[in-house]
Amino acid sequence: MTIPLLDLEAQLAQYREAALQAITRVVDSQHFIMGPEVKAFEAELAAYLELPAAVGVSSGTDALLACLMALEVGPGDEIVTSPFSFFATAGVAARLHARPVFADIDPATFNLTEAGVRAAIGKRTKAVIPVHLFGQMCDLGSFYDEPDRPVIVEDAAQAIGARLRGKGTGHFGEYTCTSFFPAKNLGAFGDAGGVACQDPARADRVGIIRLHGSKPKYLHHVVGGNFRLDAIQAAVLRVKLPLLDGWAAGRRANAARYDALLAEAGLVERGLVIPPAVQPDSLHVYNQYVVRAQRRDELMGHLGARGIGHAVYYPRPLHLQPCFADLGYGPGDFPHAERACAEVLALPVYPELPIDGQRTVVEALRTFYGI
């Protein structure tokens, strides 16, 4: 049995005709940039997130970038974030000539910790970017509620639909950024992203930034960029958004089944494969099901030979990326992040994954470890 890491074709059957109708609607209108489809999706996204305003943009990376531009981040500013994340989280700060400042992660959830963030904040801190990694929201405790803290830009690229203490993404910071890359839980048919805010004025400024800083057209208040959401992508996302919670429920069911199967196989008790931890009062949406695995790199060869999809998110921490060498970090500075990079492995968890597929994955793990 060949088991892909993600099977988008299996999902497509659920909404294919509706998506084609939506695309045809855009084609017939010949309104491809911004327009009514984008406006409608923004309203629907804001309603889903229970926030007053949302802005469609061209990617999750551009969502983060536009927010930092709206905050006028620049040289001399510092952005506190995680070294264990996709490159864009820190890359957007560097693009604006600000300094990424890293804090180590919690070894159980892979997210930033309140203590780590507090220790990393300095006089030049302009914003904090907590990453809601793999589908679980980052819990910074009372830090979120402090009135004099730096601005928070939630990196929710992997966590739309997740909740913490009954609140969704965007309810803990001034901005929340989402990616609609095709592999995400809510994926477009190409690159796309979004920003949502509790304050409509902040969302309006991001909306200006995405249009080269103009409002109205040809009147430029600031230097922005071309971060527009295509109408075709908005139309497709409108079709898929109502299906999102059902897909997340399927992912949670598969995650729970993995937890049970791994335990039954004796892999957890022996410390060979450690399932992802779910923090208290948290709703996880499992953009990825990421385990810690002993002899991870050897295991990947074993899985690959058996046609079982897998991936490493992420093989090198950001503080050890060559382009950030001038920041002065070195091996050992963030040991939890570095250990995670050496041990983590994502297994297939997409909602259409059959039970027999999961059993095949766990049996391959059991066989590799010889138990």
Protein backbone atom coordinates (compact mmCIF):
# COMPACT_ATOMS: atom_id res chain seq x y z
CA MET A 1 0.00 0.00 0.00
CA THR A 2 1.43 3.37 -1.06
CA ILE A 3 0.52 6.06 1.45
CA PRO A 4 1.28 9.67 0.51
CA LEU A 5 2.04 12.28 3.15
CA LEU A 6 -0.91 14.28 1.80
CA ASP A 7 -3.57 13.19 -0.71
CA LEU A 8 -5.16 16.30 -2.19
CA GLU A 9 -6.83 14.27 -4.94
CA ALA A 10 -8.87 12.34 -2.36
CA GLN A 11 -10.08 15.63 -0.92
CA LEU A 12 -10.81 17.17 -4.30
CA ALA A 13 -13.68 14.79 -4.97
CA GLN A 14 -15.61 16.43 -2.13
CA TYR A 15 -15.76 19.89 -3.72
CA ARG A 16 -14.49 19.57 -7.31
CA GLU A 17 -17.68 20.60 -9.10
CA ALA A 18 -18.33 23.52 -6.75
CA ALA A 19 -14.76 24.75 -7.24
CA LEU A 20 -15.03 24.53 -11.02
CA GLN A 21 -18.29 26.48 -10.89
CA ALA A 22 -16.62 29.13 -8.74
CA ILE A 23 -13.68 29.41 -11.13
CA THR A 24 -16.05 29.65 -14.09
CA ARG A 25 -17.89 32.44 -12.29
CA VAL A 26 -14.64 34.41 -12.05
CA VAL A 27 -13.69 33.65 -15.66
CA ASP A 28 -17.07 34.82 -16.90
CA SER A 29 -16.79 38.01 -14.87
CA GLN A 30 -13.23 38.67 -16.17
CA HIS A 31 -12.57 40.29 -12.78
CA PHE A 32 -9.35 38.53 -11.72
CA ILE A 33 -7.73 41.01 -9.33
CA MET A 34 -9.47 41.98 -6.08
CA GLY A 35 -13.18 42.66 -6.66
CA PRO A 36 -16.33 41.00 -5.26
CA GLU A 37 -14.93 37.48 -4.79
CA VAL A 38 -12.08 38.77 -2.63
CA LYS A 39 -14.39 41.05 -0.68
CA ALA A 40 -16.83 38.21 -0.04
CA PHE A 41 -14.08 35.83 1.07
CA GLU A 42 -12.66 38.43 3.43
CA ALA A 43 -16.05 38.81 5.09
CA GLU A 44 -16.48 35.04 5.36
CA LEU A 45 -12.98 34.57 6.75
CA ALA A 46 -13.52 37.28 9.37
CA ALA A 47 -16.82 35.65 10.37
CA TYR A 48 -15.17 32.24 10.66
CA LEU A 49 -12.42 33.66 12.88
CA GLU A 50 -14.97 35.68 14.88
CA LEU A 51 -13.02 38.86 14.15
CA PRO A 52 -14.30 42.16 12.73
CA ALA A 53 -11.96 42.41 9.74
CA ALA A 54 -9.84 40.28 7.43
CA VAL A 55 -7.68 41.07 4.41
CA GLY A 56 -6.81 38.67 1.61
CA VAL A 57 -3.18 38.72 0.48
CA SER A 58 -0.94 36.85 -1.91
CA SER A 59 0.68 34.36 0.52
CA GLY A 60 1.31 33.59 4.16
CA THR A 61 4.75 35.12 3.81
CA ASP A 62 3.31 38.34 2.43
CA ALA A 63 0.76 38.34 5.26
CA LEU A 64 3.59 38.48 7.80
CA LEU A 65 5.54 40.99 5.73
CA ALA A 66 2.57 43.33 5.28
CA CYS A 67 1.89 43.31 9.03
CA LEU A 68 5.47 44.23 9.87
CA MET A 69 5.38 46.94 7.20
CA ALA A 70 2.17 48.25 8.74
CA LEU A 71 4.03 48.46 12.05
CA GLU A 72 6.84 50.37 10.30
CA VAL A 73 9.42 47.78 11.31
CA GLY A 74 12.87 48.74 10.12
CA PRO A 75 16.58 48.98 10.92
CA GLY A 76 17.32 48.89 14.65
CA ASP A 77 14.10 47.05 15.49
CA GLU A 78 14.04 43.55 16.93
CA ILE A 79 11.43 40.86 16.30
CA VAL A 80 11.22 38.05 18.85
CA THR A 81 10.21 34.69 17.41
CA SER A 82 10.93 30.97 17.24
CA PRO A 83 14.01 29.34 15.71
CA PHE A 84 11.87 26.27 14.94
CA SER A 85 9.56 27.41 12.16
CA PHE A 86 9.31 27.90 8.41
CA PHE A 87 11.87 30.40 7.15
CA ALA A 88 9.35 33.17 6.44
CA THR A 89 8.70 33.75 10.15
CA ALA A 90 12.14 35.29 10.59
CA GLY A 91 12.83 36.09 6.95
CA VAL A 92 10.24 38.86 6.81
CA ALA A 93 11.98 40.67 9.66
CA ALA A 94 15.35 40.41 7.91
CA ARG A 95 13.86 41.71 4.65
CA LEU A 96 12.92 44.90 6.50
CA HIS A 97 16.46 45.11 7.95
CA ALA A 98 15.21 44.33 11.44
CA ARG A 99 16.92 41.77 13.66
CA PRO A 100 15.27 38.41 14.38
CA VAL A 101 15.75 37.53 18.05
CA PHE A 102 15.10 33.90 18.88
CA ALA A 103 13.84 32.15 21.99
CA ASP A 104 13.93 28.41 22.59
CA ILE A 105 10.84 26.22 22.28
CA ASP A 106 8.91 24.00 24.63
CA PRO A 107 10.14 20.44 23.92
CA ALA A 108 6.63 19.00 24.22
CA THR A 109 4.58 21.35 22.01
CA PHE A 110 7.43 22.75 19.85
CA ASN A 111 6.01 26.25 20.46
CA LEU A 112 7.55 29.26 22.18
CA THR A 113 7.21 29.54 25.95
CA GLU A 114 6.12 32.52 28.00
CA ALA A 115 9.38 32.51 29.97
CA GLY A 116 11.47 32.33 26.81
CA VAL A 117 9.67 35.22 25.16
CA ARG A 118 9.92 37.41 28.25
CA ALA A 119 13.66 36.77 28.47
CA ALA A 120 14.18 37.65 24.79
CA ILE A 121 12.37 40.99 24.88
CA GLY A 122 14.58 44.07 24.99
CA LYS A 123 14.38 47.81 24.53
CA ARG A 124 14.38 47.47 20.75
CA THR A 125 11.68 44.80 20.52
CA LYS A 126 9.06 46.03 18.05
CA ALA A 127 6.93 42.89 17.83
CA VAL A 128 6.67 39.28 18.93
CA ILE A 129 5.72 36.57 16.42
CA PRO A 130 4.46 33.45 18.23
CA VAL A 131 4.13 30.54 15.82
CA HIS A 132 1.11 28.24 16.23
CA LEU A 133 3.11 25.31 14.96
CA PHE A 134 1.72 22.16 13.33
CA GLY A 135 -1.87 23.15 14.18
CA GLN A 136 -1.60 23.89 17.91
CA MET A 137 -1.76 27.42 19.28
CA CYS A 138 1.22 28.85 21.13
CA ASP A 139 0.34 29.48 24.80
CA LEU A 140 2.17 32.52 26.17
CA GLY A 141 -0.01 32.66 29.27
CA SER A 142 -0.58 36.04 30.89
CA PHE A 143 1.85 37.69 28.46
CA TYR A 144 -0.93 37.94 25.90
CA ASP A 145 -3.04 40.08 28.26
CA GLU A 146 -0.42 42.60 29.36
CA PRO A 147 -1.28 46.12 28.14
CA ASP A 148 2.33 47.28 27.78
CA ARG A 149 3.71 44.27 25.90
CA PRO A 150 5.07 44.59 22.34
CA VAL A 151 2.67 44.13 19.44
CA ILE A 152 1.91 40.47 18.73
CA VAL A 153 1.68 39.14 15.18
CA GLU A 154 0.34 35.59 15.37
CA ASP A 155 1.86 33.28 12.78
CA ALA A 156 -1.16 31.04 12.29
CA ALA A 157 -0.10 29.73 8.88
CA GLN A 158 -0.64 26.16 10.09
CA ALA A 159 -3.41 26.69 12.64
CA ILE A 160 -6.61 28.11 11.16
CA GLY A 161 -9.46 26.64 13.18
CA ALA A 162 -7.32 25.91 16.25
CA ARG A 163 -8.38 27.23 19.64
CA LEU A 164 -6.79 27.98 23.00
CA ARG A 165 -8.90 28.48 26.12
CA GLY A 166 -11.95 28.78 23.88
CA LYS A 167 -10.46 31.47 21.65
CA GLY A 168 -9.29 31.10 18.06
CA THR A 169 -6.31 32.53 16.24
CA GLY A 170 -6.35 36.32 16.13
CA HIS A 171 -7.83 36.73 19.60
CA PHE A 172 -4.47 36.93 21.37
CA GLY A 173 -2.55 39.38 19.20
CA GLU A 174 -3.06 42.51 17.17
CA TYR A 175 -2.65 40.61 13.89
CA THR A 176 -3.05 37.00 12.85
CA CYS A 177 -1.52 35.72 9.61
CA THR A 178 -2.75 32.68 7.72
CA SER A 179 -1.36 30.76 4.77
CA PHE A 180 -3.59 29.14 2.16
CA PHE A 181 -0.76 27.25 0.48
CA PRO A 182 -2.32 24.15 -1.14
CA ALA A 183 -0.93 21.77 1.50
CA LYS A 184 -2.50 23.68 4.40
CA ASN A 185 -5.72 22.54 6.08
CA LEU A 186 -7.47 25.27 4.09
CA GLY A 187 -5.55 25.37 0.83
CA ALA A 188 -6.04 27.42 -2.31
CA PHE A 189 -5.17 26.33 -5.85
CA GLY A 190 -1.89 28.23 -5.59
CA ASP A 191 -0.32 30.78 -3.28
CA ALA A 192 -2.66 32.80 -1.08
CA GLY A 193 -2.82 34.16 2.46
CA GLY A 194 -4.78 36.31 4.83
CA VAL A 195 -4.53 38.75 7.72
CA ALA A 196 -7.23 39.27 10.35
CA CYS A 197 -7.38 41.82 13.15
CA GLN A 198 -9.41 42.72 16.20
CA ASP A 199 -9.02 46.38 15.23
CA PRO A 200 -10.50 47.20 11.79
CA ALA A 201 -8.14 50.17 11.49
CA ARG A 202 -5.15 47.83 11.58
CA ALA A 203 -6.73 45.63 8.91
CA ASP A 204 -7.41 48.70 6.78
CA ARG A 205 -3.75 49.67 6.96
CA VAL A 206 -2.71 46.17 5.86
CA GLY A 207 -5.20 46.52 3.00
CA ILE A 208 -3.48 49.72 1.94
CA ILE A 209 -0.02 48.14 2.22
CA ARG A 210 -1.03 45.28 -0.12
CA LEU A 211 -1.94 47.81 -2.87
CA HIS A 212 1.39 49.62 -3.03
CA GLY A 213 0.28 51.83 -0.14
CA SER A 214 -2.54 53.42 -2.12
CA LYS A 215 -6.06 54.48 -1.16
CA PRO A 216 -7.70 55.54 -3.38
CA LYS A 217 -5.90 54.30 -6.47
CA TYR A 218 -2.82 56.34 -7.41
CA LEU A 219 -2.77 58.15 -4.06
CA HIS A 220 0.09 56.51 -2.14
CA HIS A 221 0.25 57.16 1.61
CA VAL A 222 3.16 54.76 2.23
CA VAL A 223 5.44 52.51 0.21
CA GLY A 224 3.67 49.15 0.20
CA GLY A 225 3.83 46.19 -2.12
CA ASN A 226 1.86 44.06 -4.54
CA PHE A 227 0.35 41.59 -2.07
CA ARG A 228 -3.09 41.16 -3.62
CA LEU A 229 -5.20 38.02 -3.40
CA ASP A 230 -6.31 36.72 -6.82
CA ALA A 231 -10.04 36.44 -7.33
CA ILE A 232 -9.81 32.82 -8.50
CA GLN A 233 -8.05 31.85 -5.27
CA ALA A 234 -10.67 33.70 -3.23
CA ALA A 235 -13.47 31.91 -5.08
CA VAL A 236 -11.92 28.49 -4.42
CA LEU A 237 -11.34 29.33 -0.75
CA ARG A 238 -14.98 30.35 -0.41
CA VAL A 239 -15.97 26.86 -1.53
CA LYS A 240 -13.56 25.11 0.84
CA LEU A 241 -13.97 27.23 3.98
CA PRO A 242 -17.31 25.63 5.03
CA LEU A 243 -15.60 22.19 4.86
CA LEU A 244 -12.66 23.16 7.06
CA ASP A 245 -13.99 22.16 10.47
CA GLY A 246 -15.04 18.74 9.18
CA TRP A 247 -11.57 18.16 7.78
CA ALA A 248 -10.00 19.23 11.07
CA ALA A 249 -12.24 16.78 12.93
CA GLY A 250 -11.02 14.03 10.60
CA ARG A 251 -7.42 14.96 11.31
CA ARG A 252 -8.03 14.87 15.06
CA ALA A 253 -9.65 11.45 14.76
CA ASN A 254 -6.65 10.15 12.83
CA ALA A 255 -4.26 11.68 15.36
CA ALA A 256 -6.09 9.98 18.23
CA ARG A 257 -5.95 6.67 16.36
CA TYR A 258 -2.20 7.07 15.80
CA ASP A 259 -1.75 7.77 19.51
CA ALA A 260 -3.54 4.53 20.37
CA LEU A 261 -1.82 2.42 17.69
CA LEU A 262 1.65 3.66 18.63
CA ALA A 263 0.98 2.86 22.27
CA GLU A 264 -0.41 -0.59 21.45
CA ALA A 265 2.70 -1.35 19.40
CA GLY A 266 4.93 -0.60 22.37
CA LEU A 267 6.70 2.22 20.58
CA VAL A 268 5.73 4.92 23.07
CA GLU A 269 6.55 2.93 26.21
CA ARG A 270 10.05 2.24 24.89
CA GLY A 271 10.57 5.88 23.93
CA LEU A 272 11.13 5.00 20.29
CA VAL A 273 8.32 7.13 18.86
CA ILE A 274 6.79 9.95 20.91
CA PRO A 275 3.40 11.26 19.72
CA PRO A 276 2.69 15.01 19.65
CA ALA A 277 1.64 16.53 22.95
CA VAL A 278 -1.64 18.41 23.20
CA GLN A 279 -1.59 21.15 25.81
CA PRO A 280 -4.56 21.58 28.19
CA ASP A 281 -7.61 23.51 27.02
CA SER A 282 -6.41 23.42 23.43
CA LEU A 283 -8.08 22.39 20.17
CA HIS A 284 -5.40 21.02 17.83
CA VAL A 285 -6.09 20.95 14.07
CA TYR A 286 -3.08 18.80 13.09
CA ASN A 287 -1.78 20.52 10.00
CA GLN A 288 0.91 17.93 10.59
CA TYR A 289 1.13 14.92 12.91
CA VAL A 290 4.71 15.28 14.10
CA VAL A 291 6.37 12.64 16.27
CA ARG A 292 9.82 12.40 17.78
CA ALA A 293 11.59 9.31 16.45
CA GLN A 294 14.81 7.62 17.48
CA ARG A 295 17.22 7.05 14.57
CA ARG A 296 15.00 9.35 12.55
CA ASP A 297 17.08 9.53 9.41
CA GLU A 298 17.42 5.74 9.15
CA LEU A 299 13.69 5.42 9.75
CA MET A 300 12.94 7.73 6.81
CA GLY A 301 14.77 5.39 4.47
CA HIS A 302 12.76 2.47 5.83
CA LEU A 303 9.46 4.30 5.29
CA GLY A 304 10.43 5.54 1.85
CA ALA A 305 11.28 2.04 0.69
CA ARG A 306 7.76 0.99 1.66
CA GLY A 307 6.02 3.85 -0.13
CA ILE A 308 5.02 5.64 3.08
CA GLY A 309 5.07 9.43 2.82
CA HIS A 310 6.84 11.44 5.50
CA ALA A 311 8.64 14.76 5.91
CA VAL A 312 10.85 16.67 8.32
CA TYR A 313 9.56 20.03 9.51
CA TYR A 314 12.25 21.40 9.99
CA PRO A 315 15.74 19.93 9.44
CA ARG A 316 17.74 23.03 10.45
CA PRO A 317 16.78 25.67 13.03
CA LEU A 318 16.63 29.26 11.85
CA HIS A 319 19.44 30.48 14.09
CA LEU A 320 21.82 28.10 12.27
CA GLN A 321 20.78 29.06 8.75
CA PRO A 322 23.75 30.45 6.75
CA CYS A 323 21.93 33.68 5.91
CA PHE A 324 21.57 34.47 9.63
CA ALA A 325 25.23 33.86 10.51
CA ASP A 326 25.70 37.58 11.17
CA LEU A 327 23.23 37.39 14.07
CA GLY A 328 25.93 35.69 16.10
CA TYR A 329 24.07 32.57 17.17
CA GLY A 330 25.74 29.18 17.25
CA PRO A 331 25.15 25.50 17.97
CA GLY A 332 23.85 24.95 21.48
CA ASP A 333 22.16 28.32 21.83
CA PHE A 334 18.66 26.83 21.55
CA PRO A 335 19.05 23.15 22.45
CA HIS A 336 15.36 22.25 22.40
CA ALA A 337 14.96 23.58 18.87
CA GLU A 338 18.15 21.86 17.72
CA ARG A 339 17.09 18.54 19.21
CA ALA A 340 13.68 18.84 17.57
CA CYS A 341 15.31 19.32 14.18
CA ALA A 342 17.21 16.07 14.70
CA GLU A 343 14.23 14.00 15.85
CA VAL A 344 10.92 15.22 14.39
CA LEU A 345 9.09 13.34 11.67
CA ALA A 346 5.69 14.11 10.14
CA LEU A 347 3.45 11.15 9.32
CA PRO A 348 0.38 11.15 7.04
CA VAL A 349 -2.68 12.49 8.89
CA TYR A 350 -4.93 13.90 6.15
CA PRO A 351 -8.63 13.35 6.90
CA GLU A 352 -9.20 10.90 4.05
CA LEU A 353 -6.43 8.56 5.28
CA PRO A 354 -8.00 5.11 5.77
CA ILE A 355 -7.64 3.18 9.00
CA ASP A 356 -5.73 0.42 7.20
CA GLY A 357 -3.29 3.07 6.00
CA GLN A 358 -2.58 4.15 9.55
CA ARG A 359 -2.09 0.56 10.63
CA THR A 360 0.36 0.09 7.76
CA VAL A 361 2.33 3.16 8.90
CA VAL A 362 2.53 1.96 12.50
CA GLU A 363 3.43 -1.57 11.44
CA ALA A 364 6.31 -0.15 9.38
CA LEU A 365 7.50 1.73 12.47
CA ARG A 366 7.24 -1.38 14.61
CA THR A 367 9.15 -3.44 12.06
CA PHE A 368 11.94 -0.88 11.83
CA TYR A 369 12.50 -0.92 15.58
CA GLY A 370 12.25 -4.71 15.74
CA ILE A 371 9.50 -5.06 18.30
